[in-house]
Amino acid sequence: MKSRTIIAAGLVLLLFISLSASPSCAAEKKEIKIGVLLPLTGYISHFGLMQEAALKMAEKEIKEKGGIGGLNVSFIVYDTACKPKDAILMAQKLISSDQVHCILGPFLSTECEQVFPVVNSAQVPIITGS
């Protein structure tokens, strides 16, 4: 339950930042795409799997309530495998291919140190829950 609350708070913050930065982009698509970088494999995969389960619950609840401000929310989740290089590649994919509005994660500080400069240079909002 605690993980779910943290994710919900992070989502609200990310959505606020994302919509204030580019309201027309989200309004045109009627969907907010949130990229998520989690350790789904590797030595702390249990944390990532718990967060993924909480995200699925949050996504279901948001969908049942008609979205947020009428906008659908979808999560695009990638596994960083607890490796900074994989986290960088996945962040770049979220930005370029998936064109997410914001990113939640990564989980490890070693990944954050590598990913944040890449994401910040692309001017995509990013926040980590750890």
C-alpha atoms as a PDB file:
ATOM      1  CA  MET A   1       0.000   0.000   0.000  1.00  0.00           C
ATOM      2  CA  LYS A   2       2.852   2.392   0.804  1.00  0.00           C
ATOM      3  CA  SER A   3       4.412   1.816  -2.628  1.00  0.00           C
ATOM      4  CA  ARG A   4       1.053   2.588  -4.243  1.00  0.00           C
ATOM      5  CA  THR A   5       0.774   5.875  -2.360  1.00  0.00           C
ATOM      6  CA  ILE A   6       4.280   6.915  -3.405  1.00  0.00           C
ATOM      7  CA  ILE A   7       3.528   6.074  -7.008  1.00  0.00           C
ATOM      8  CA  ALA A   8       0.243   7.990  -6.913  1.00  0.00           C
ATOM      9  CA  ALA A   9       1.979  11.073  -5.480  1.00  0.00           C
ATOM     10  CA  GLY A  10       4.703  10.817  -8.102  1.00  0.00           C
ATOM     11  CA  LEU A  11       2.144  10.491 -10.871  1.00  0.00           C
ATOM     12  CA  VAL A  12       0.241  13.563  -9.771  1.00  0.00           C
ATOM     13  CA  LEU A  13       3.470  15.549  -9.707  1.00  0.00           C
ATOM     14  CA  LEU A  14       4.590  14.229 -13.087  1.00  0.00           C
ATOM     15  CA  LEU A  15       1.218  14.884 -14.672  1.00  0.00           C
ATOM     16  CA  PHE A  16       1.189  18.438 -13.335  1.00  0.00           C
ATOM     17  CA  ILE A  17       4.688  19.110 -14.650  1.00  0.00           C
ATOM     18  CA  SER A  18       3.995  17.421 -17.955  1.00  0.00           C
ATOM     19  CA  LEU A  19       0.707  19.188 -18.614  1.00  0.00           C
ATOM     20  CA  SER A  20       2.045  22.591 -17.631  1.00  0.00           C
ATOM     21  CA  ALA A  21       5.009  22.116 -19.934  1.00  0.00           C
ATOM     22  CA  SER A  22       3.007  21.031 -22.992  1.00  0.00           C
ATOM     23  CA  PRO A  23      -0.777  21.138 -22.515  1.00  0.00           C
ATOM     24  CA  SER A  24      -1.563  21.131 -26.226  1.00  0.00           C
ATOM     25  CA  CYS A  25       0.452  17.975 -26.889  1.00  0.00           C
ATOM     26  CA  ALA A  26      -1.443  15.921 -24.310  1.00  0.00           C
ATOM     27  CA  ALA A  27      -4.783  17.452 -25.275  1.00  0.00           C
ATOM     28  CA  GLU A  28      -4.280  16.578 -28.944  1.00  0.00           C
ATOM     29  CA  LYS A  29      -3.524  12.940 -28.199  1.00  0.00           C
ATOM     30  CA  LYS A  30      -6.063  12.552 -25.372  1.00  0.00           C
ATOM     31  CA  GLU A  31      -3.512  10.361 -23.659  1.00  0.00           C
ATOM     32  CA  ILE A  32      -0.643  10.880 -21.293  1.00  0.00           C
ATOM     33  CA  LYS A  33       2.166   8.395 -21.781  1.00  0.00           C
ATOM     34  CA  ILE A  34       4.338   7.862 -18.733  1.00  0.00           C
ATOM     35  CA  GLY A  35       7.576   5.982 -19.127  1.00  0.00           C
ATOM     36  CA  VAL A  36       8.652   3.796 -16.241  1.00  0.00           C
ATOM     37  CA  LEU A  37      12.120   2.391 -15.581  1.00  0.00           C
ATOM     38  CA  LEU A  38      12.090  -0.476 -13.089  1.00  0.00           C
ATOM     39  CA  PRO A  39      14.460  -3.267 -12.023  1.00  0.00           C
ATOM     40  CA  LEU A  40      12.244  -6.184 -13.073  1.00  0.00           C
ATOM     41  CA  THR A  41      15.220  -8.522 -13.245  1.00  0.00           C
ATOM     42  CA  GLY A  42      18.498  -8.432 -11.359  1.00  0.00           C
ATOM     43  CA  TYR A  43      19.447  -8.432  -7.708  1.00  0.00           C
ATOM     44  CA  ILE A  44      16.616  -6.150  -6.483  1.00  0.00           C
ATOM     45  CA  SER A  45      13.907  -7.233  -8.877  1.00  0.00           C
ATOM     46  CA  HIS A  46      11.490  -7.781  -5.984  1.00  0.00           C
ATOM     47  CA  PHE A  47      11.256  -3.989  -5.541  1.00  0.00           C
ATOM     48  CA  GLY A  48      10.597  -3.440  -9.226  1.00  0.00           C
ATOM     49  CA  LEU A  49       7.977  -6.173  -9.360  1.00  0.00           C
ATOM     50  CA  MET A  50       6.125  -4.627  -6.401  1.00  0.00           C
ATOM     51  CA  GLN A  51       6.168  -1.224  -8.079  1.00  0.00           C
ATOM     52  CA  GLU A  52       4.985  -2.715 -11.354  1.00  0.00           C
ATOM     53  CA  ALA A  53       2.031  -4.356  -9.578  1.00  0.00           C
ATOM     54  CA  ALA A  54       1.156  -1.017  -7.940  1.00  0.00           C
ATOM     55  CA  LEU A  55       1.336   0.744 -11.324  1.00  0.00           C
ATOM     56  CA  LYS A  56      -1.043  -1.788 -12.865  1.00  0.00           C
ATOM     57  CA  MET A  57      -3.504  -1.189 -10.033  1.00  0.00           C
ATOM     58  CA  ALA A  58      -3.189   2.588 -10.408  1.00  0.00           C
ATOM     59  CA  GLU A  59      -3.628   2.391 -14.177  1.00  0.00           C
ATOM     60  CA  LYS A  60      -6.777   0.300 -13.755  1.00  0.00           C
ATOM     61  CA  GLU A  61      -8.234   2.720 -11.186  1.00  0.00           C
ATOM     62  CA  ILE A  62      -7.436   5.750 -13.328  1.00  0.00           C
ATOM     63  CA  LYS A  63      -9.051   4.121 -16.365  1.00  0.00           C
ATOM     64  CA  GLU A  64     -12.171   3.180 -14.385  1.00  0.00           C
ATOM     65  CA  LYS A  65     -12.540   6.799 -13.257  1.00  0.00           C
ATOM     66  CA  GLY A  66     -12.333   8.135 -16.812  1.00  0.00           C
ATOM     67  CA  GLY A  67      -8.718   9.190 -16.724  1.00  0.00           C
ATOM     68  CA  ILE A  68      -7.281  12.342 -15.216  1.00  0.00           C
ATOM     69  CA  GLY A  69      -8.945  15.486 -16.445  1.00  0.00           C
ATOM     70  CA  GLY A  70     -10.492  13.394 -19.220  1.00  0.00           C
ATOM     71  CA  LEU A  71      -7.098  12.175 -20.426  1.00  0.00           C
ATOM     72  CA  ASN A  72      -6.230   8.490 -20.538  1.00  0.00           C
ATOM     73  CA  VAL A  73      -3.020   7.513 -18.786  1.00  0.00           C
ATOM     74  CA  SER A  74      -0.809   4.706 -20.021  1.00  0.00           C
ATOM     75  CA  PHE A  75       2.410   3.388 -18.528  1.00  0.00           C
ATOM     76  CA  ILE A  76       5.209   2.127 -20.727  1.00  0.00           C
ATOM     77  CA  VAL A  77       7.379  -0.026 -18.464  1.00  0.00           C
ATOM     78  CA  TYR A  78      10.925  -1.134 -19.238  1.00  0.00           C
ATOM     79  CA  ASP A  79      13.297  -3.322 -17.269  1.00  0.00           C
ATOM     80  CA  THR A  80      16.635  -1.744 -16.378  1.00  0.00           C
ATOM     81  CA  ALA A  81      17.946  -5.100 -15.090  1.00  0.00           C
ATOM     82  CA  CYS A  82      19.764  -3.137 -12.349  1.00  0.00           C
ATOM     83  CA  LYS A  83      22.285  -1.962 -14.959  1.00  0.00           C
ATOM     84  CA  PRO A  84      22.974   1.731 -15.613  1.00  0.00           C
ATOM     85  CA  LYS A  85      23.737   1.108 -19.310  1.00  0.00           C
ATOM     86  CA  ASP A  86      20.399  -0.646 -19.785  1.00  0.00           C
ATOM     87  CA  ALA A  87      18.659   2.189 -17.933  1.00  0.00           C
ATOM     88  CA  ILE A  88      20.179   4.724 -20.332  1.00  0.00           C
ATOM     89  CA  LEU A  89      19.097   2.726 -23.387  1.00  0.00           C
ATOM     90  CA  MET A  90      15.570   2.304 -22.053  1.00  0.00           C
ATOM     91  CA  ALA A  91      15.307   6.017 -21.185  1.00  0.00           C
ATOM     92  CA  GLN A  92      16.422   6.944 -24.694  1.00  0.00           C
ATOM     93  CA  LYS A  93      13.824   4.564 -26.141  1.00  0.00           C
ATOM     94  CA  LEU A  94      11.087   6.091 -23.964  1.00  0.00           C
ATOM     95  CA  ILE A  95      12.025   9.563 -25.179  1.00  0.00           C
ATOM     96  CA  SER A  96      12.622   8.924 -28.870  1.00  0.00           C
ATOM     97  CA  SER A  97      10.460   5.950 -29.866  1.00  0.00           C
ATOM     98  CA  ASP A  98       7.655   6.043 -27.298  1.00  0.00           C
ATOM     99  CA  GLN A  99       7.581   9.842 -26.971  1.00  0.00           C
ATOM    100  CA  VAL A 100       6.510   9.792 -23.333  1.00  0.00           C
ATOM    101  CA  HIS A 101       5.453  12.960 -21.544  1.00  0.00           C
ATOM    102  CA  CYS A 102       7.429  12.136 -18.425  1.00  0.00           C
ATOM    103  CA  ILE A 103       9.430   9.322 -16.802  1.00  0.00           C
ATOM    104  CA  LEU A 104       9.085   7.621 -13.428  1.00  0.00           C
ATOM    105  CA  GLY A 105      12.301   5.970 -12.232  1.00  0.00           C
ATOM    106  CA  PRO A 106      14.858   4.567 -12.350  1.00  0.00           C
ATOM    107  CA  PHE A 107      15.118   2.873  -8.977  1.00  0.00           C
ATOM    108  CA  LEU A 108      18.851   2.699  -8.219  1.00  0.00           C
ATOM    109  CA  SER A 109      21.009   5.756  -7.597  1.00  0.00           C
ATOM    110  CA  THR A 110      23.693   4.330  -9.910  1.00  0.00           C
ATOM    111  CA  GLU A 111      21.102   4.295 -12.690  1.00  0.00           C
ATOM    112  CA  CYS A 112      19.840   7.784 -11.802  1.00  0.00           C
ATOM    113  CA  GLU A 113      23.337   9.237 -12.017  1.00  0.00           C
ATOM    114  CA  GLN A 114      23.570   8.070 -15.617  1.00  0.00           C
ATOM    115  CA  VAL A 115      19.968   8.547 -16.764  1.00  0.00           C
ATOM    116  CA  PHE A 116      19.086  11.971 -15.346  1.00  0.00           C
ATOM    117  CA  PRO A 117      21.556  13.947 -17.521  1.00  0.00           C
ATOM    118  CA  VAL A 118      20.279  12.185 -20.661  1.00  0.00           C
ATOM    119  CA  VAL A 119      16.628  12.810 -19.824  1.00  0.00           C
ATOM    120  CA  ASN A 120      17.236  16.376 -18.638  1.00  0.00           C
ATOM    121  CA  SER A 121      19.000  17.236 -21.910  1.00  0.00           C
ATOM    122  CA  ALA A 122      15.877  16.042 -23.743  1.00  0.00           C
ATOM    123  CA  GLN A 123      13.790  18.275 -21.423  1.00  0.00           C
ATOM    124  CA  VAL A 124      11.541  15.433 -20.313  1.00  0.00           C
ATOM    125  CA  PRO A 125      10.319  15.613 -16.692  1.00  0.00           C
ATOM    126  CA  ILE A 126      11.674  12.766 -14.564  1.00  0.00           C
ATOM    127  CA  ILE A 127      11.219  11.746 -10.956  1.00  0.00           C
ATOM    128  CA  THR A 128      12.290   8.723  -8.961  1.00  0.00           C
ATOM    129  CA  GLY A 129      10.468   7.220  -6.012  1.00  0.00           C
ATOM    130  CA  SER A 130      13.615   6.124  -4.234  1.00  0.00           C
END
